[in-house]
Amino acid sequence: MHTDRRLRQGLLLTIMFSAAACGTGDRLALPAPLMLDVPAAPGAALPHVAEDGGDALLSWVEPADGGHALRFARRAGSRWTAPQTVALGSDWFVNWADFPSIVSLGGGRLAAHWLQRSGAGTYAYDVMVSRSADDGATWSTPIMPHTDGTATEHGFVSLFSEDDGLGIVWLDGRQFAGDSATNEMAV
């Protein structure tokens, strides 16, 4: 498996999609693809790119100590900063479709999320959120934004800056606790 290549392809696709979304008129003008080396370690996967005052924030998951680490770096100008770790865990729910992210809240404030298993069920996992007030040098103790207490799906998270704080939206499976016949989720 070529996870390093997939990480780079994900970054390339994100940059191309972002550029396409900025097109004007009836035709979208796509720039030439820009290939970027990223500071992720071998085995890294699940890239997410966010904007922060003209810089790019790239987050990813990589293997660490029998579990996983959520890491990120900032691209300012033509250089990446050294990667920093947001969180580590051995009980994370990690899959290609429902992945962690990091966003800027402005003024050096960042927020990140990841998914943590909450039970033995295949899709029993919770959203965990941590914040930083110093550009990611330190991170708060993680919190779980939902309080239903069910060992069900809580995922497909979107973090966003809301007024002067953090907005969070996720798909929530609490309505289907104990219902093994469905994979549907409530919004």
C-alpha atoms as a PDB file:
ATOM      1  CA  MET A   1       0.000   0.000   0.000  1.00  0.00           C
ATOM      2  CA  HIS A   2       1.388   3.400  -0.961  1.00  0.00           C
ATOM      3  CA  THR A   3       0.039   5.603   1.817  1.00  0.00           C
ATOM      4  CA  ASP A   4       2.663   8.328   1.288  1.00  0.00           C
ATOM      5  CA  ARG A   5       1.624   8.537  -2.358  1.00  0.00           C
ATOM      6  CA  ARG A   6      -2.061   8.610  -1.384  1.00  0.00           C
ATOM      7  CA  LEU A   7      -1.396  11.429   1.084  1.00  0.00           C
ATOM      8  CA  ARG A   8       0.278  13.459  -1.658  1.00  0.00           C
ATOM      9  CA  GLN A   9      -2.538  12.645  -4.108  1.00  0.00           C
ATOM     10  CA  GLY A  10      -5.126  13.711  -1.526  1.00  0.00           C
ATOM     11  CA  LEU A  11      -3.312  16.987  -1.039  1.00  0.00           C
ATOM     12  CA  LEU A  12      -3.048  17.506  -4.787  1.00  0.00           C
ATOM     13  CA  LEU A  13      -6.753  16.777  -5.284  1.00  0.00           C
ATOM     14  CA  THR A  14      -7.672  19.142  -2.460  1.00  0.00           C
ATOM     15  CA  ILE A  15      -5.582  21.943  -3.922  1.00  0.00           C
ATOM     16  CA  MET A  16      -7.042  21.373  -7.395  1.00  0.00           C
ATOM     17  CA  PHE A  17     -10.614  21.233  -6.036  1.00  0.00           C
ATOM     18  CA  SER A  18     -10.091  24.405  -4.037  1.00  0.00           C
ATOM     19  CA  ALA A  19      -8.724  26.171  -7.103  1.00  0.00           C
ATOM     20  CA  ALA A  20     -11.632  24.932  -9.229  1.00  0.00           C
ATOM     21  CA  ALA A  21     -14.148  26.211  -6.683  1.00  0.00           C
ATOM     22  CA  CYS A  22     -12.667  29.696  -7.063  1.00  0.00           C
ATOM     23  CA  GLY A  23     -13.228  29.825 -10.844  1.00  0.00           C
ATOM     24  CA  THR A  24     -15.402  32.527 -12.346  1.00  0.00           C
ATOM     25  CA  GLY A  25     -17.765  32.591 -15.280  1.00  0.00           C
ATOM     26  CA  ASP A  26     -19.196  29.607 -17.102  1.00  0.00           C
ATOM     27  CA  ARG A  27     -15.870  27.775 -17.403  1.00  0.00           C
ATOM     28  CA  LEU A  28     -13.646  26.804 -14.550  1.00  0.00           C
ATOM     29  CA  ALA A  29     -10.017  27.632 -15.140  1.00  0.00           C
ATOM     30  CA  LEU A  30      -7.897  24.934 -13.516  1.00  0.00           C
ATOM     31  CA  PRO A  31      -4.279  25.740 -12.744  1.00  0.00           C
ATOM     32  CA  ALA A  32      -1.534  23.247 -13.502  1.00  0.00           C
ATOM     33  CA  PRO A  33      -1.260  20.681 -10.703  1.00  0.00           C
ATOM     34  CA  LEU A  34       1.207  21.605  -7.997  1.00  0.00           C
ATOM     35  CA  MET A  35       3.025  18.616  -6.507  1.00  0.00           C
ATOM     36  CA  LEU A  36       4.119  19.236  -2.927  1.00  0.00           C
ATOM     37  CA  ASP A  37       6.319  17.139  -0.711  1.00  0.00           C
ATOM     38  CA  VAL A  38       4.669  16.836   2.682  1.00  0.00           C
ATOM     39  CA  PRO A  39       6.341  16.408   6.086  1.00  0.00           C
ATOM     40  CA  ALA A  40       4.386  13.258   7.002  1.00  0.00           C
ATOM     41  CA  ALA A  41       6.190  10.094   8.129  1.00  0.00           C
ATOM     42  CA  PRO A  42       6.013   6.780   6.251  1.00  0.00           C
ATOM     43  CA  GLY A  43       2.648   5.101   6.826  1.00  0.00           C
ATOM     44  CA  ALA A  44       0.792   8.411   7.089  1.00  0.00           C
ATOM     45  CA  ALA A  45      -2.753   8.593   5.734  1.00  0.00           C
ATOM     46  CA  LEU A  46      -6.029  10.532   5.928  1.00  0.00           C
ATOM     47  CA  PRO A  47      -4.918  14.031   4.875  1.00  0.00           C
ATOM     48  CA  HIS A  48      -7.057  17.076   5.574  1.00  0.00           C
ATOM     49  CA  VAL A  49      -6.244  20.609   4.391  1.00  0.00           C
ATOM     50  CA  ALA A  50      -7.620  23.813   5.906  1.00  0.00           C
ATOM     51  CA  GLU A  51      -6.872  27.489   5.297  1.00  0.00           C
ATOM     52  CA  ASP A  52      -5.420  29.798   7.936  1.00  0.00           C
ATOM     53  CA  GLY A  53      -4.836  33.399   6.870  1.00  0.00           C
ATOM     54  CA  GLY A  54      -3.381  32.416   3.509  1.00  0.00           C
ATOM     55  CA  ASP A  55      -1.383  29.491   4.895  1.00  0.00           C
ATOM     56  CA  ALA A  56      -2.385  25.848   4.516  1.00  0.00           C
ATOM     57  CA  LEU A  57      -2.854  23.622   7.567  1.00  0.00           C
ATOM     58  CA  LEU A  58      -2.306  19.966   6.675  1.00  0.00           C
ATOM     59  CA  SER A  59      -3.315  17.308   9.182  1.00  0.00           C
ATOM     60  CA  TRP A  60      -2.874  13.551   8.892  1.00  0.00           C
ATOM     61  CA  VAL A  61      -2.829  10.345  10.935  1.00  0.00           C
ATOM     62  CA  GLU A  62       0.274   8.209  11.277  1.00  0.00           C
ATOM     63  CA  PRO A  63       1.130   5.029  13.184  1.00  0.00           C
ATOM     64  CA  ALA A  64       2.560   5.667  16.676  1.00  0.00           C
ATOM     65  CA  ASP A  65       3.355   3.407  19.632  1.00  0.00           C
ATOM     66  CA  GLY A  66       0.838   0.682  18.767  1.00  0.00           C
ATOM     67  CA  GLY A  67      -1.845   3.252  17.977  1.00  0.00           C
ATOM     68  CA  HIS A  68      -2.189   6.448  16.003  1.00  0.00           C
ATOM     69  CA  ALA A  69      -1.105  10.080  16.156  1.00  0.00           C
ATOM     70  CA  LEU A  70      -2.922  13.089  14.746  1.00  0.00           C
ATOM     71  CA  ARG A  71      -0.236  15.420  13.423  1.00  0.00           C
ATOM     72  CA  PHE A  72      -0.195  18.657  11.473  1.00  0.00           C
ATOM     73  CA  ALA A  73       2.085  21.142   9.758  1.00  0.00           C
ATOM     74  CA  ARG A  74       1.582  24.618   8.333  1.00  0.00           C
ATOM     75  CA  ARG A  75       2.656  25.643   4.845  1.00  0.00           C
ATOM     76  CA  ALA A  76       3.698  29.276   4.931  1.00  0.00           C
ATOM     77  CA  GLY A  77       5.005  30.526   1.600  1.00  0.00           C
ATOM     78  CA  SER A  78       6.968  27.667   0.073  1.00  0.00           C
ATOM     79  CA  ARG A  79       7.930  25.798   3.264  1.00  0.00           C
ATOM     80  CA  TRP A  80       6.282  23.451   5.739  1.00  0.00           C
ATOM     81  CA  THR A  81       6.771  23.921   9.458  1.00  0.00           C
ATOM     82  CA  ALA A  82       8.028  20.968  11.478  1.00  0.00           C
ATOM     83  CA  PRO A  83       5.180  18.503  12.164  1.00  0.00           C
ATOM     84  CA  GLN A  84       3.482  18.785  15.554  1.00  0.00           C
ATOM     85  CA  THR A  85       1.397  16.188  17.377  1.00  0.00           C
ATOM     86  CA  VAL A  86      -2.150  17.047  18.437  1.00  0.00           C
ATOM     87  CA  ALA A  87      -3.062  13.746  20.108  1.00  0.00           C
ATOM     88  CA  LEU A  88      -2.036  10.082  20.446  1.00  0.00           C
ATOM     89  CA  GLY A  89      -4.233   7.056  21.094  1.00  0.00           C
ATOM     90  CA  SER A  90      -4.476   3.301  20.845  1.00  0.00           C
ATOM     91  CA  ASP A  91      -8.292   3.194  20.849  1.00  0.00           C
ATOM     92  CA  TRP A  92      -9.070   5.331  17.829  1.00  0.00           C
ATOM     93  CA  PHE A  93     -11.578   4.568  15.085  1.00  0.00           C
ATOM     94  CA  VAL A  94      -9.553   5.052  11.911  1.00  0.00           C
ATOM     95  CA  ASN A  95     -10.923   4.546   8.412  1.00  0.00           C
ATOM     96  CA  TRP A  96     -10.546   6.126   4.998  1.00  0.00           C
ATOM     97  CA  ALA A  97     -13.955   7.818   4.888  1.00  0.00           C
ATOM     98  CA  ASP A  98     -14.335   9.327   8.352  1.00  0.00           C
ATOM     99  CA  PHE A  99     -11.102  11.075   9.242  1.00  0.00           C
ATOM    100  CA  PRO A 100      -9.704  13.667  11.682  1.00  0.00           C
ATOM    101  CA  SER A 101      -9.253  17.339  10.871  1.00  0.00           C
ATOM    102  CA  ILE A 102      -7.782  20.583  12.119  1.00  0.00           C
ATOM    103  CA  VAL A 103      -9.135  24.104  11.529  1.00  0.00           C
ATOM    104  CA  SER A 104      -8.072  27.641  12.318  1.00  0.00           C
ATOM    105  CA  LEU A 105     -10.252  29.783  14.570  1.00  0.00           C
ATOM    106  CA  GLY A 106      -8.084  32.862  13.946  1.00  0.00           C
ATOM    107  CA  GLY A 107      -5.575  34.614  16.165  1.00  0.00           C
ATOM    108  CA  GLY A 108      -3.383  31.533  16.661  1.00  0.00           C
ATOM    109  CA  ARG A 109      -6.351  29.465  17.870  1.00  0.00           C
ATOM    110  CA  LEU A 110      -6.817  25.993  16.380  1.00  0.00           C
ATOM    111  CA  ALA A 111      -9.273  23.155  16.897  1.00  0.00           C
ATOM    112  CA  ALA A 112      -8.846  19.499  15.985  1.00  0.00           C
ATOM    113  CA  HIS A 113     -10.990  16.390  16.150  1.00  0.00           C
ATOM    114  CA  TRP A 114     -10.494  12.635  15.949  1.00  0.00           C
ATOM    115  CA  LEU A 115     -12.639   9.565  16.576  1.00  0.00           C
ATOM    116  CA  GLN A 116     -12.265   7.294  19.590  1.00  0.00           C
ATOM    117  CA  ARG A 117     -13.868   3.876  20.084  1.00  0.00           C
ATOM    118  CA  SER A 118     -16.639   3.790  22.696  1.00  0.00           C
ATOM    119  CA  GLY A 119     -17.562   0.108  22.710  1.00  0.00           C
ATOM    120  CA  ALA A 120     -17.070  -3.299  21.125  1.00  0.00           C
ATOM    121  CA  GLY A 121     -19.387  -2.640  18.174  1.00  0.00           C
ATOM    122  CA  THR A 122     -17.846  -2.063  14.752  1.00  0.00           C
ATOM    123  CA  TYR A 123     -19.264   1.447  14.556  1.00  0.00           C
ATOM    124  CA  ALA A 124     -19.185   2.440  18.215  1.00  0.00           C
ATOM    125  CA  TYR A 125     -17.112   5.608  18.369  1.00  0.00           C
ATOM    126  CA  ASP A 126     -17.174   9.138  19.735  1.00  0.00           C
ATOM    127  CA  VAL A 127     -15.985  12.527  18.532  1.00  0.00           C
ATOM    128  CA  MET A 128     -13.088  13.979  20.529  1.00  0.00           C
ATOM    129  CA  VAL A 129     -12.176  17.671  20.212  1.00  0.00           C
ATOM    130  CA  SER A 130      -9.129  19.538  21.453  1.00  0.00           C
ATOM    131  CA  ARG A 131      -8.203  23.217  21.147  1.00  0.00           C
ATOM    132  CA  SER A 132      -5.003  25.199  21.061  1.00  0.00           C
ATOM    133  CA  ALA A 133      -4.545  28.904  21.819  1.00  0.00           C
ATOM    134  CA  ASP A 134      -0.875  29.001  20.768  1.00  0.00           C
ATOM    135  CA  ASP A 135      -0.798  27.837  17.116  1.00  0.00           C
ATOM    136  CA  GLY A 136      -0.679  24.179  18.123  1.00  0.00           C
ATOM    137  CA  ALA A 137       2.262  24.280  20.540  1.00  0.00           C
ATOM    138  CA  THR A 138      -0.026  22.935  23.304  1.00  0.00           C
ATOM    139  CA  TRP A 139      -3.486  21.346  23.207  1.00  0.00           C
ATOM    140  CA  SER A 140      -6.340  21.239  25.708  1.00  0.00           C
ATOM    141  CA  THR A 141      -7.588  18.081  27.341  1.00  0.00           C
ATOM    142  CA  PRO A 142      -9.956  16.555  24.765  1.00  0.00           C
ATOM    143  CA  ILE A 143     -13.704  16.823  25.234  1.00  0.00           C
ATOM    144  CA  MET A 144     -16.578  14.870  23.732  1.00  0.00           C
ATOM    145  CA  PRO A 145     -19.157  17.347  22.350  1.00  0.00           C
ATOM    146  CA  HIS A 146     -22.063  14.888  22.544  1.00  0.00           C
ATOM    147  CA  THR A 147     -23.417  13.516  25.801  1.00  0.00           C
ATOM    148  CA  ASP A 148     -25.873  10.799  24.770  1.00  0.00           C
ATOM    149  CA  GLY A 149     -23.741   7.983  26.234  1.00  0.00           C
ATOM    150  CA  THR A 150     -24.592   5.512  23.464  1.00  0.00           C
ATOM    151  CA  ALA A 151     -22.003   3.205  21.912  1.00  0.00           C
ATOM    152  CA  THR A 152     -23.062   4.261  18.407  1.00  0.00           C
ATOM    153  CA  GLU A 153     -21.656   6.162  15.462  1.00  0.00           C
ATOM    154  CA  HIS A 154     -20.679   9.781  16.006  1.00  0.00           C
ATOM    155  CA  GLY A 155     -18.645  10.900  13.051  1.00  0.00           C
ATOM    156  CA  PHE A 156     -18.226  12.620   9.708  1.00  0.00           C
ATOM    157  CA  VAL A 157     -17.360  15.772  11.611  1.00  0.00           C
ATOM    158  CA  SER A 158     -17.077  19.294  10.248  1.00  0.00           C
ATOM    159  CA  LEU A 159     -15.341  21.893  12.397  1.00  0.00           C
ATOM    160  CA  PHE A 160     -15.693  25.588  11.578  1.00  0.00           C
ATOM    161  CA  SER A 161     -15.102  29.009  13.044  1.00  0.00           C
ATOM    162  CA  GLU A 162     -18.401  30.354  14.419  1.00  0.00           C
ATOM    163  CA  ASP A 163     -18.457  33.982  15.585  1.00  0.00           C
ATOM    164  CA  ASP A 164     -15.578  34.005  18.068  1.00  0.00           C
ATOM    165  CA  GLY A 165     -15.730  30.275  18.834  1.00  0.00           C
ATOM    166  CA  LEU A 166     -15.926  26.797  17.383  1.00  0.00           C
ATOM    167  CA  GLY A 167     -18.826  25.251  15.494  1.00  0.00           C
ATOM    168  CA  ILE A 168     -19.125  21.456  15.238  1.00  0.00           C
ATOM    169  CA  VAL A 169     -21.471  19.372  13.119  1.00  0.00           C
ATOM    170  CA  TRP A 170     -21.482  15.563  13.046  1.00  0.00           C
ATOM    171  CA  LEU A 171     -23.673  12.656  12.042  1.00  0.00           C
ATOM    172  CA  ASP A 172     -25.121  11.072  15.141  1.00  0.00           C
ATOM    173  CA  GLY A 173     -26.275   7.456  15.525  1.00  0.00           C
ATOM    174  CA  ARG A 174     -27.813   7.646  19.021  1.00  0.00           C
ATOM    175  CA  GLN A 175     -31.287   7.165  17.553  1.00  0.00           C
ATOM    176  CA  PHE A 176     -30.252   3.703  16.405  1.00  0.00           C
ATOM    177  CA  ALA A 177     -28.685   2.375  19.607  1.00  0.00           C
ATOM    178  CA  GLY A 178     -29.319  -1.364  19.730  1.00  0.00           C
ATOM    179  CA  ASP A 179     -30.698  -1.451  16.155  1.00  0.00           C
ATOM    180  CA  SER A 180     -28.286  -3.719  14.267  1.00  0.00           C
ATOM    181  CA  ALA A 181     -30.507  -3.758  11.164  1.00  0.00           C
ATOM    182  CA  THR A 182     -29.552  -0.264  10.043  1.00  0.00           C
ATOM    183  CA  ASN A 183     -26.493   1.837   9.399  1.00  0.00           C
ATOM    184  CA  GLU A 184     -28.443   5.099   9.109  1.00  0.00           C
ATOM    185  CA  MET A 185     -27.562   8.117  11.170  1.00  0.00           C
ATOM    186  CA  ALA A 186     -29.450  11.184  12.336  1.00  0.00           C
ATOM    187  CA  VAL A 187     -28.198  14.678  11.619  1.00  0.00           C
END
